[in-house]
Amino acid sequence: MSQALLIRGGRVIDPASRTDTHADVLIENGRISQVDDNLKAKGAEIFDASGCVVTPGFIDLHTHLRQPGREDKETIATGALAAAAGGFTAVCSMPNTTPVNDNASTTRFIVETALREAIVRVYPIGAITRGSNGEELSEYGDLKAAGCIAVSDDGRPVQNARVMRRALEYARTFGLPVIDHCEDLNLSKGGAMNEGPVSVAMGIPSAPHVSETIMVERDVLLAEYTGSHVHIAHISTAGAVDAVRRGKARGVRVTAEATPHHLVLTDEAVRAHDYDPVTKMNPPLRSEEDRQAVIAGLLDGTIDAIATDHAPHTTEDKVCEFDCAAFGIVGLETAFALCHDGLVKTGLLDLPRLVQLLTSGPARALGLPGGTLERGRVADITIFDPAEVRTVKPESFRGKSRNSPFVSQSLTGWPIATIVGGSIVYTSR
């Protein structure tokens, strides 16, 4: 039985219960006991949250933990440390491990390792197809029984529409969302950045934005036809946002996520970083028009969540020619600060909406526990200081990898404490 914890004097924002007020939060036996003014609890540990914001724990729908198989890049334990430092109390682990998480034994390994070694909650995602090769479906019933909460071939799009149709139908049987990496390889194969004036000026092989939009249009239609739930991962183009918006208006079971890097950067960052592969990711950084369309999707509810797509890599994978470098950047530890500094501080998004996109939004999108501070619920809580200024320093990252385009950038608004099940698992104070 954990000691009682009293979080005192913070601004409590809980979009799930439409709460935005200054109050204390009392945690007893690992659960939310009370949210009210001037609470007292004999013997409780006191956390002074004056000047800070107290919210439900952040949930990341898109994390690459690399274990099993690529522990040189990240492990479940180190990824969980990075998550906690970023304010995340739960992460969804993508299946592109080695071997691919396409079977119950691999899922059980992830679940059991997380229970032993992770300081945050880890929800495994299984592969849509065996080996993520886009051909034969994995055994979804076995995956769900072992602990998977969704299926995805993230990193590898399901090219065959017939396979995607069958995946949606099969997943619906088990109540599993299908998380969709949308990319038509017939258009994008070999591309290292977004096709446009910047790629032409820099001479870098490119992929057109329509390679994403076409696949989103296809799979929204397939979700509509099958009555299944499709979740669009790392949405990045104006056309894709429009396809999701129109699908939702027709009642299609479609949800979507956007990443912090697609919200604050464009393909101009590739030029600004002078061919540094820290700006190489998939989907690639897009145009300013696309970025504004994604932000509009956050504002009008088309996009349900902000997810990091945390993709750790070794130095060797990233310190090479741009064309040859691996796709992806780390994101867990900087996600909130980037969004707060780049969206809230600039007036593009209000703070309660940002909190919603990191808490109740992702919880609802994939049907996960958490995302609220309602009485009796498990006490997963994030506390952040909206005025704290820090410089991004890779040597301070808790995760194993350092591949970030935001190094040396000064950002305002950082998590200062992360609480999982009533226990403080990270604090910077």
Protein backbone atom coordinates (compact mmCIF):
# COMPACT_ATOMS: atom_id res chain seq x y z
CA MET A 1 0.00 0.00 0.00
CA SER A 2 1.57 3.30 -1.13
CA GLN A 3 1.84 6.35 1.12
CA ALA A 4 -0.75 9.07 0.63
CA LEU A 5 0.40 11.96 -1.56
CA LEU A 6 -1.06 15.46 -1.48
CA ILE A 7 -0.36 17.68 -4.49
CA ARG A 8 -0.94 21.16 -3.24
CA GLY A 9 -1.59 24.51 -4.89
CA GLY A 10 -1.53 23.72 -8.60
CA ARG A 11 -3.81 24.58 -11.48
CA VAL A 12 -5.71 21.36 -12.17
CA ILE A 13 -6.66 20.77 -15.81
CA ASP A 14 -8.65 17.61 -16.57
CA PRO A 15 -10.41 17.92 -19.94
CA ALA A 16 -12.18 14.58 -19.44
CA SER A 17 -14.19 16.03 -16.53
CA ARG A 18 -14.12 19.62 -17.85
CA THR A 19 -12.07 20.73 -14.86
CA ASP A 20 -9.83 23.80 -14.96
CA THR A 21 -9.36 25.25 -11.49
CA HIS A 22 -6.83 25.80 -8.74
CA ALA A 23 -7.12 22.91 -6.31
CA ASP A 24 -5.30 20.25 -4.33
CA VAL A 25 -5.19 16.62 -5.42
CA LEU A 26 -5.12 13.87 -2.80
CA ILE A 27 -3.89 10.40 -3.73
CA GLU A 28 -4.56 7.46 -1.44
CA ASN A 29 -3.79 3.80 -2.11
CA GLY A 30 -2.60 4.67 -5.60
CA ARG A 31 -5.89 6.26 -6.65
CA ILE A 32 -7.37 9.74 -6.90
CA SER A 33 -9.12 10.33 -3.60
CA GLN A 34 -10.15 13.99 -3.78
CA VAL A 35 -9.71 17.08 -5.93
CA ASP A 36 -10.73 20.11 -3.93
CA ASP A 37 -9.55 23.25 -2.11
CA ASN A 38 -7.48 23.19 1.07
CA LEU A 39 -7.26 19.43 1.43
CA LYS A 40 -5.54 17.87 4.42
CA ALA A 41 -4.31 14.33 4.96
CA LYS A 42 -2.47 13.29 8.08
CA GLY A 43 0.87 11.71 7.27
CA ALA A 44 0.64 12.36 3.53
CA GLU A 45 3.71 13.31 1.53
CA ILE A 46 3.32 16.89 0.28
CA PHE A 47 4.22 17.97 -3.26
CA ASP A 48 4.15 21.73 -3.70
CA ALA A 49 2.74 22.44 -7.16
CA SER A 50 2.45 26.21 -6.74
CA GLY A 51 2.82 27.90 -10.11
CA CYS A 52 2.49 24.55 -11.89
CA VAL A 53 -0.23 22.69 -13.76
CA VAL A 54 -1.51 19.28 -12.62
CA THR A 55 -3.04 17.05 -15.30
CA PRO A 56 -3.83 13.41 -15.99
CA GLY A 57 -0.74 11.50 -17.02
CA PHE A 58 0.30 11.96 -20.64
CA ILE A 59 -0.24 8.93 -22.91
CA ASP A 60 1.94 8.36 -25.98
CA LEU A 61 0.29 6.29 -28.69
CA HIS A 62 3.47 5.86 -30.75
CA THR A 63 6.77 4.85 -29.14
CA HIS A 64 9.59 2.71 -30.54
CA LEU A 65 11.23 0.95 -27.61
CA ARG A 66 13.39 -1.29 -29.88
CA GLN A 67 13.43 -4.22 -27.44
CA PRO A 68 13.69 -7.08 -28.24
CA GLY A 69 16.56 -7.01 -30.71
CA ARG A 70 17.94 -3.47 -30.87
CA GLU A 71 18.87 -2.79 -27.28
CA ASP A 72 21.80 -0.72 -28.58
CA LYS A 73 19.22 1.91 -29.61
CA GLU A 74 16.77 1.72 -26.70
CA THR A 75 15.37 -0.72 -24.16
CA ILE A 76 12.02 -0.94 -22.45
CA ALA A 77 13.67 0.33 -19.26
CA THR A 78 15.50 3.29 -20.83
CA GLY A 79 12.53 4.22 -22.99
CA ALA A 80 10.38 4.27 -19.87
CA LEU A 81 12.89 6.58 -18.18
CA ALA A 82 12.70 8.93 -21.16
CA ALA A 83 8.91 8.76 -21.10
CA ALA A 84 8.72 9.67 -17.43
CA ALA A 85 11.07 12.61 -17.96
CA GLY A 86 8.73 13.82 -20.69
CA GLY A 87 5.66 13.56 -18.47
CA PHE A 88 4.33 10.36 -20.01
CA THR A 89 2.83 7.83 -17.64
CA ALA A 90 2.00 5.34 -20.42
CA VAL A 91 3.43 4.51 -23.84
CA CYS A 92 2.30 2.25 -26.67
CA SER A 93 5.19 0.14 -27.94
CA MET A 94 5.32 -0.26 -31.73
CA PRO A 95 5.91 -3.76 -33.14
CA ASN A 96 8.91 -3.18 -35.43
CA THR A 97 11.31 -4.91 -33.06
CA THR A 98 13.69 -7.77 -33.91
CA PRO A 99 11.90 -10.12 -34.15
CA VAL A 100 8.73 -8.29 -35.08
CA ASN A 101 6.02 -8.45 -32.43
CA ASP A 102 3.71 -10.61 -34.52
CA ASN A 103 3.12 -13.41 -32.00
CA ALA A 104 2.00 -13.96 -28.44
CA SER A 105 5.42 -15.00 -27.10
CA THR A 106 7.05 -11.72 -28.17
CA THR A 107 4.13 -9.77 -26.73
CA ARG A 108 4.44 -11.62 -23.43
CA PHE A 109 8.17 -10.85 -23.36
CA ILE A 110 7.42 -7.13 -23.72
CA VAL A 111 4.68 -7.22 -21.07
CA GLU A 112 6.78 -9.16 -18.56
CA THR A 113 9.90 -7.04 -19.15
CA ALA A 114 7.88 -3.86 -18.72
CA LEU A 115 6.37 -5.10 -15.45
CA ARG A 116 9.86 -5.79 -14.10
CA GLU A 117 11.84 -2.87 -15.51
CA ALA A 118 9.65 0.00 -16.75
CA ILE A 119 8.66 2.86 -14.46
CA VAL A 120 5.70 3.78 -16.71
CA ARG A 121 2.93 1.69 -18.22
CA VAL A 122 3.77 -0.06 -21.51
CA TYR A 123 1.02 -1.18 -23.89
CA PRO A 124 2.29 -3.44 -26.70
CA ILE A 125 1.05 -3.09 -30.26
CA GLY A 126 1.15 -6.21 -32.42
CA ALA A 127 1.94 -6.45 -36.13
CA ILE A 128 -0.83 -6.40 -38.75
CA THR A 129 0.99 -9.00 -40.83
CA ARG A 130 3.58 -11.66 -40.06
CA GLY A 131 7.00 -10.04 -40.05
CA SER A 132 5.24 -6.82 -41.10
CA ASN A 133 5.71 -8.08 -44.66
CA GLY A 134 2.23 -7.06 -45.77
CA GLU A 135 1.06 -10.51 -46.80
CA GLU A 136 -0.22 -12.97 -44.17
CA LEU A 137 -2.21 -11.64 -41.21
CA SER A 138 -0.90 -12.19 -37.70
CA GLU A 139 -3.03 -14.06 -35.15
CA TYR A 140 -4.92 -11.14 -33.61
CA GLY A 141 -6.71 -13.20 -30.99
CA ASP A 142 -3.42 -14.51 -29.62
CA LEU A 143 -1.89 -11.04 -29.69
CA LYS A 144 -4.80 -9.51 -27.78
CA ALA A 145 -4.83 -12.32 -25.21
CA ALA A 146 -1.12 -11.73 -24.60
CA GLY A 147 -1.64 -7.99 -24.03
CA CYS A 148 -1.70 -6.13 -27.37
CA ILE A 149 -4.05 -3.16 -27.52
CA ALA A 150 -3.89 -2.57 -31.31
CA VAL A 151 -2.16 -3.80 -34.47
CA SER A 152 0.14 -1.91 -36.84
CA ASP A 153 2.85 -2.47 -39.42
CA ASP A 154 4.25 0.95 -38.61
CA GLY A 155 7.31 1.72 -40.69
CA ARG A 156 5.94 -0.51 -43.44
CA PRO A 157 2.66 0.43 -45.11
CA VAL A 158 0.22 -2.33 -46.03
CA GLN A 159 0.38 -1.87 -49.79
CA ASN A 160 -2.24 -4.43 -50.76
CA ALA A 161 -5.77 -3.08 -50.31
CA ARG A 162 -7.19 -6.59 -50.04
CA VAL A 163 -4.85 -7.40 -47.15
CA MET A 164 -5.81 -4.15 -45.41
CA ARG A 165 -9.49 -4.94 -45.86
CA ARG A 166 -9.04 -8.37 -44.28
CA ALA A 167 -6.95 -6.88 -41.47
CA LEU A 168 -9.69 -4.37 -40.64
CA GLU A 169 -12.35 -7.08 -40.65
CA TYR A 170 -10.27 -9.47 -38.54
CA ALA A 171 -9.25 -6.77 -36.07
CA ARG A 172 -12.88 -5.70 -35.63
CA THR A 173 -13.68 -9.23 -34.44
CA PHE A 174 -11.34 -8.72 -31.48
CA GLY A 175 -12.04 -5.03 -30.88
CA LEU A 176 -8.54 -4.00 -31.96
CA PRO A 177 -7.86 -0.69 -33.72
CA VAL A 178 -5.66 -0.90 -36.83
CA ILE A 179 -2.93 1.74 -36.66
CA ASP A 180 -2.08 2.78 -40.18
CA HIS A 181 1.28 3.91 -41.55
CA CYS A 182 0.00 5.59 -44.72
CA GLU A 183 2.45 5.68 -47.57
CA ASP A 184 2.17 4.50 -51.17
CA LEU A 185 5.60 3.05 -51.86
CA ASN A 186 4.95 3.19 -55.59
CA LEU A 187 5.23 6.95 -55.19
CA SER A 188 7.55 7.36 -52.21
CA LYS A 189 10.12 4.56 -52.47
CA GLY A 190 13.65 5.94 -52.37
CA GLY A 191 12.52 9.33 -51.10
CA ALA A 192 14.50 10.82 -48.24
CA MET A 193 12.54 14.06 -47.75
CA ASN A 194 9.39 15.83 -48.90
CA GLU A 195 9.12 16.56 -52.60
CA GLY A 196 9.07 20.28 -53.23
CA PRO A 197 11.23 23.35 -53.85
CA VAL A 198 13.57 22.50 -50.95
CA SER A 199 14.28 18.98 -52.16
CA VAL A 200 14.93 20.28 -55.67
CA ALA A 201 17.30 22.97 -54.40
CA MET A 202 19.18 20.48 -52.22
CA GLY A 203 19.24 17.63 -54.72
CA ILE A 204 17.84 15.09 -52.23
CA PRO A 205 15.65 12.20 -53.47
CA SER A 206 12.10 12.99 -52.43
CA ALA A 207 8.63 11.59 -51.80
CA PRO A 208 5.47 13.52 -52.77
CA HIS A 209 2.87 14.37 -50.17
CA VAL A 210 0.20 12.57 -52.18
CA SER A 211 1.86 9.24 -51.29
CA GLU A 212 0.39 9.70 -47.81
CA THR A 213 -2.89 11.27 -48.84
CA ILE A 214 -3.77 8.47 -51.28
CA MET A 215 -3.32 5.79 -48.61
CA VAL A 216 -5.32 7.71 -46.03
CA GLU A 217 -8.17 8.14 -48.53
CA ARG A 218 -8.05 4.40 -49.30
CA ASP A 219 -8.05 3.25 -45.71
CA VAL A 220 -10.73 5.65 -44.52
CA LEU A 221 -12.90 4.19 -47.28
CA LEU A 222 -11.98 0.65 -46.23
CA ALA A 223 -12.80 1.44 -42.60
CA GLU A 224 -16.14 2.79 -43.74
CA TYR A 225 -16.82 -0.30 -45.85
CA THR A 226 -15.89 -2.76 -43.10
CA GLY A 227 -17.23 -0.81 -40.11
CA SER A 228 -13.81 -1.12 -38.49
CA HIS A 229 -11.65 1.31 -36.53
CA VAL A 230 -8.61 2.70 -38.33
CA HIS A 231 -6.18 5.03 -36.59
CA ILE A 232 -3.99 7.18 -38.82
CA ALA A 233 -0.45 7.40 -37.46
CA HIS A 234 1.74 10.52 -37.68
CA ILE A 235 -0.56 12.41 -40.07
CA SER A 236 1.40 15.08 -41.93
CA THR A 237 -0.38 16.36 -45.06
CA ALA A 238 -3.27 18.70 -45.77
CA GLY A 239 -4.92 16.10 -47.98
CA ALA A 240 -4.72 13.42 -45.29
CA VAL A 241 -6.25 15.72 -42.68
CA ASP A 242 -9.07 16.53 -45.09
CA ALA A 243 -9.69 12.82 -45.73
CA VAL A 244 -9.97 12.12 -41.99
CA ARG A 245 -12.21 15.15 -41.49
CA ARG A 246 -14.59 14.05 -44.23
CA GLY A 247 -14.55 10.48 -42.92
CA LYS A 248 -15.49 11.57 -39.42
CA ALA A 249 -18.30 13.71 -40.82
CA ARG A 250 -19.70 10.55 -42.47
CA GLY A 251 -19.46 8.60 -39.22
CA VAL A 252 -16.43 6.50 -40.14
CA ARG A 253 -14.55 5.00 -37.17
CA VAL A 254 -11.34 6.88 -37.89
CA THR A 255 -9.00 8.55 -35.41
CA ALA A 256 -5.66 10.26 -36.00
CA GLU A 257 -2.50 11.46 -34.32
CA ALA A 258 0.08 14.13 -35.16
CA THR A 259 3.68 14.44 -33.98
CA PRO A 260 5.34 17.44 -32.35
CA HIS A 261 7.97 17.63 -35.10
CA HIS A 262 5.36 17.88 -37.85
CA LEU A 263 3.64 20.61 -35.83
CA VAL A 264 6.67 22.84 -35.34
CA LEU A 265 8.98 22.11 -38.30
CA THR A 266 8.76 22.11 -42.10
CA ASP A 267 11.05 20.77 -44.80
CA GLU A 268 12.96 24.06 -44.56
CA ALA A 269 14.57 22.51 -41.45
CA VAL A 270 16.52 20.15 -43.73
CA ARG A 271 18.13 23.16 -45.38
CA ALA A 272 18.62 24.97 -42.07
CA HIS A 273 20.44 21.93 -40.65
CA ASP A 274 22.63 21.69 -43.75
CA TYR A 275 21.83 18.09 -44.73
CA ASP A 276 22.04 16.81 -41.15
CA PRO A 277 20.03 13.55 -40.99
CA VAL A 278 18.51 14.58 -37.64
CA THR A 279 15.86 16.14 -39.89
CA LYS A 280 15.23 12.88 -41.77
CA MET A 281 12.03 11.16 -40.70
CA ASN A 282 9.11 9.21 -42.13
CA PRO A 283 6.74 10.75 -42.95
CA PRO A 284 9.11 13.54 -43.92
CA LEU A 285 8.82 17.10 -42.73
CA ARG A 286 6.31 18.74 -45.02
CA SER A 287 5.52 22.20 -46.37
CA GLU A 288 4.24 25.13 -44.34
CA GLU A 289 0.82 24.64 -45.94
CA ASP A 290 0.74 21.06 -44.67
CA ARG A 291 1.89 22.11 -41.20
CA GLN A 292 -0.88 24.69 -40.94
CA ALA A 293 -3.44 22.11 -42.08
CA VAL A 294 -2.32 19.69 -39.36
CA ILE A 295 -2.62 22.44 -36.74
CA ALA A 296 -6.11 23.23 -38.06
CA GLY A 297 -6.91 19.54 -37.58
CA LEU A 298 -5.92 19.80 -33.94
CA LEU A 299 -8.13 22.82 -33.46
CA ASP A 300 -11.30 21.41 -35.02
CA GLY A 301 -11.06 17.91 -33.51
CA THR A 302 -10.11 16.08 -36.71
CA ILE A 303 -6.90 14.94 -35.00
CA ASP A 304 -7.44 13.17 -31.68
CA ALA A 305 -3.98 13.02 -30.15
CA ILE A 306 -0.41 14.19 -30.22
CA ALA A 307 2.02 11.25 -30.31
CA THR A 308 5.80 11.36 -30.28
CA ASP A 309 6.86 8.68 -32.80
CA HIS A 310 9.93 8.37 -30.55
CA ALA A 311 12.45 6.66 -32.87
CA PRO A 312 15.86 6.19 -31.22
CA HIS A 313 18.89 5.32 -33.38
CA THR A 314 22.60 4.76 -32.85
CA THR A 315 25.14 7.37 -33.90
CA GLU A 316 26.20 5.16 -36.80
CA ASP A 317 22.63 5.11 -38.12
CA LYS A 318 22.44 8.89 -38.21
CA VAL A 319 25.95 10.26 -38.74
CA CYS A 320 26.20 9.46 -42.44
CA GLU A 321 24.97 10.74 -45.81
CA PHE A 322 21.39 12.02 -45.68
CA ASP A 323 20.14 9.53 -48.26
CA CYS A 324 21.59 6.57 -46.32
CA ALA A 325 20.60 7.59 -42.79
CA ALA A 326 17.83 5.94 -40.81
CA PHE A 327 14.45 7.66 -40.54
CA GLY A 328 13.30 9.10 -37.22
CA ILE A 329 14.13 11.18 -34.17
CA VAL A 330 13.77 10.81 -30.42
CA GLY A 331 10.77 12.63 -29.02
CA LEU A 332 9.57 11.53 -25.59
CA GLU A 333 11.60 13.98 -23.53
CA THR A 334 10.97 17.09 -25.63
CA ALA A 335 7.39 16.53 -26.86
CA PHE A 336 5.51 18.60 -24.31
CA ALA A 337 7.98 21.49 -24.27
CA LEU A 338 7.95 21.68 -28.07
CA CYS A 339 4.16 21.79 -28.20
CA HIS A 340 3.82 24.21 -25.32
CA ASP A 341 6.48 26.55 -26.69
CA GLY A 342 5.51 26.23 -30.35
CA LEU A 343 1.72 26.05 -30.12
CA VAL A 344 0.45 27.39 -26.78
CA LYS A 345 2.95 30.17 -26.19
CA THR A 346 2.44 31.38 -29.77
CA GLY A 347 -1.35 31.44 -29.36
CA LEU A 348 -2.10 28.70 -31.91
CA LEU A 349 -3.58 26.36 -29.28
CA ASP A 350 -4.93 26.90 -25.77
CA LEU A 351 -3.45 24.96 -22.87
CA PRO A 352 -6.53 22.82 -22.04
CA ARG A 353 -6.69 21.61 -25.65
CA LEU A 354 -3.00 20.66 -25.59
CA VAL A 355 -3.58 18.74 -22.36
CA GLN A 356 -6.56 16.99 -23.94
CA LEU A 357 -4.47 15.93 -26.94
CA LEU A 358 -1.96 14.30 -24.58
CA THR A 359 -4.40 12.73 -22.09
CA SER A 360 -8.08 12.00 -22.71
CA GLY A 361 -7.65 12.27 -26.48
CA PRO A 362 -5.20 9.36 -26.81
CA ALA A 363 -7.02 7.37 -24.13
CA ARG A 364 -10.28 7.58 -26.08
CA ALA A 365 -8.63 7.05 -29.47
CA LEU A 366 -7.35 3.57 -28.59
CA GLY A 367 -9.62 2.75 -25.64
CA LEU A 368 -6.87 2.91 -23.03
CA PRO A 369 -7.15 3.36 -19.25
CA GLY A 370 -6.23 6.74 -17.81
CA GLY A 371 -6.62 10.22 -19.20
CA THR A 372 -8.63 11.60 -16.27
CA LEU A 373 -8.36 12.74 -12.65
CA GLU A 374 -11.82 11.52 -11.68
CA ARG A 375 -12.21 10.27 -8.14
CA GLY A 376 -11.40 6.59 -7.75
CA ARG A 377 -9.30 6.37 -10.91
CA VAL A 378 -5.69 5.21 -10.91
CA ALA A 379 -3.42 8.11 -9.98
CA ASP A 380 -1.37 8.62 -13.14
CA ILE A 381 -0.51 12.32 -13.06
CA THR A 382 1.76 14.80 -14.84
CA ILE A 383 2.86 18.08 -13.27
CA PHE A 384 4.50 20.73 -15.45
CA ASP A 385 5.77 24.25 -15.00
CA PRO A 386 4.58 26.40 -17.92
CA ALA A 387 7.18 29.07 -17.12
CA GLU A 388 10.25 26.86 -16.78
CA VAL A 389 12.89 27.49 -19.43
CA ARG A 390 15.41 24.81 -20.38
CA THR A 391 17.85 24.25 -23.18
CA VAL A 392 17.65 20.88 -24.93
CA LYS A 393 20.84 19.04 -24.07
CA PRO A 394 21.31 15.51 -25.46
CA GLU A 395 23.70 14.60 -22.65
CA SER A 396 20.79 14.97 -20.23
CA PHE A 397 18.46 12.59 -22.12
CA ARG A 398 17.39 9.56 -20.09
CA GLY A 399 16.92 7.47 -23.23
CA LYS A 400 19.85 5.87 -25.01
CA SER A 401 19.80 7.87 -28.24
CA ARG A 402 20.56 11.49 -29.09
CA ASN A 403 19.09 11.94 -32.58
CA SER A 404 17.14 15.18 -32.15
CA PRO A 405 16.95 18.29 -34.36
CA PHE A 406 16.12 20.40 -31.30
CA VAL A 407 19.52 20.21 -29.58
CA SER A 408 20.58 23.57 -28.05
CA GLN A 409 17.08 25.00 -28.54
CA SER A 410 15.62 26.93 -25.59
CA LEU A 411 12.04 25.93 -24.80
CA THR A 412 9.50 27.15 -22.25
CA GLY A 413 7.24 24.75 -20.34
CA TRP A 414 8.56 21.45 -18.97
CA PRO A 415 7.28 18.49 -16.95
CA ILE A 416 8.65 18.59 -13.42
CA ALA A 417 7.06 15.46 -11.97
CA THR A 418 5.51 12.24 -13.25
CA ILE A 419 3.36 10.05 -11.00
CA VAL A 420 2.36 6.48 -11.89
CA GLY A 421 -0.08 4.62 -9.67
CA GLY A 422 0.39 7.19 -6.92
CA SER A 423 4.20 6.93 -6.87
CA ILE A 424 6.53 9.69 -8.06
CA VAL A 425 8.68 8.07 -10.77
CA TYR A 426 10.33 11.28 -12.01
CA THR A 427 10.93 14.71 -10.58
CA SER A 428 13.29 17.47 -11.58
CA ARG A 429 12.99 19.21 -8.22
